[in-house]
Amino acid sequence: MKLLLLISASIIASSVAFAPSPTVGSSLSSSRIYSEPKEEEEGGMDLDLGEMFEMFDAADKGEDFDKAVDKIKGSE
């Protein structure tokens, strides 16, 4: 009888230990609903390997970023 009670208690305890907390699920869904939409990120520059190295060289020389991009993208 004690063995049966011990086994039953251990099964119940293990099933409760791995059950999700009801507060976790409700807080996640409500925070998702009321959160502000994320801002769109700027698109990437889509440079090939050679263009990347040209950008690195321009940065090492201290050139203006916009001028370097115009020079690299203008050479296509």
Foldseek 3Di string as FASTA:
>chain_A
DVVVVVVVVVVVVVVVVPDDDPVVVVVVVVCVVPPDDDDDDDDDPPDDPVLVVQQVVCVVVVHDNVVSSCVSVVVD
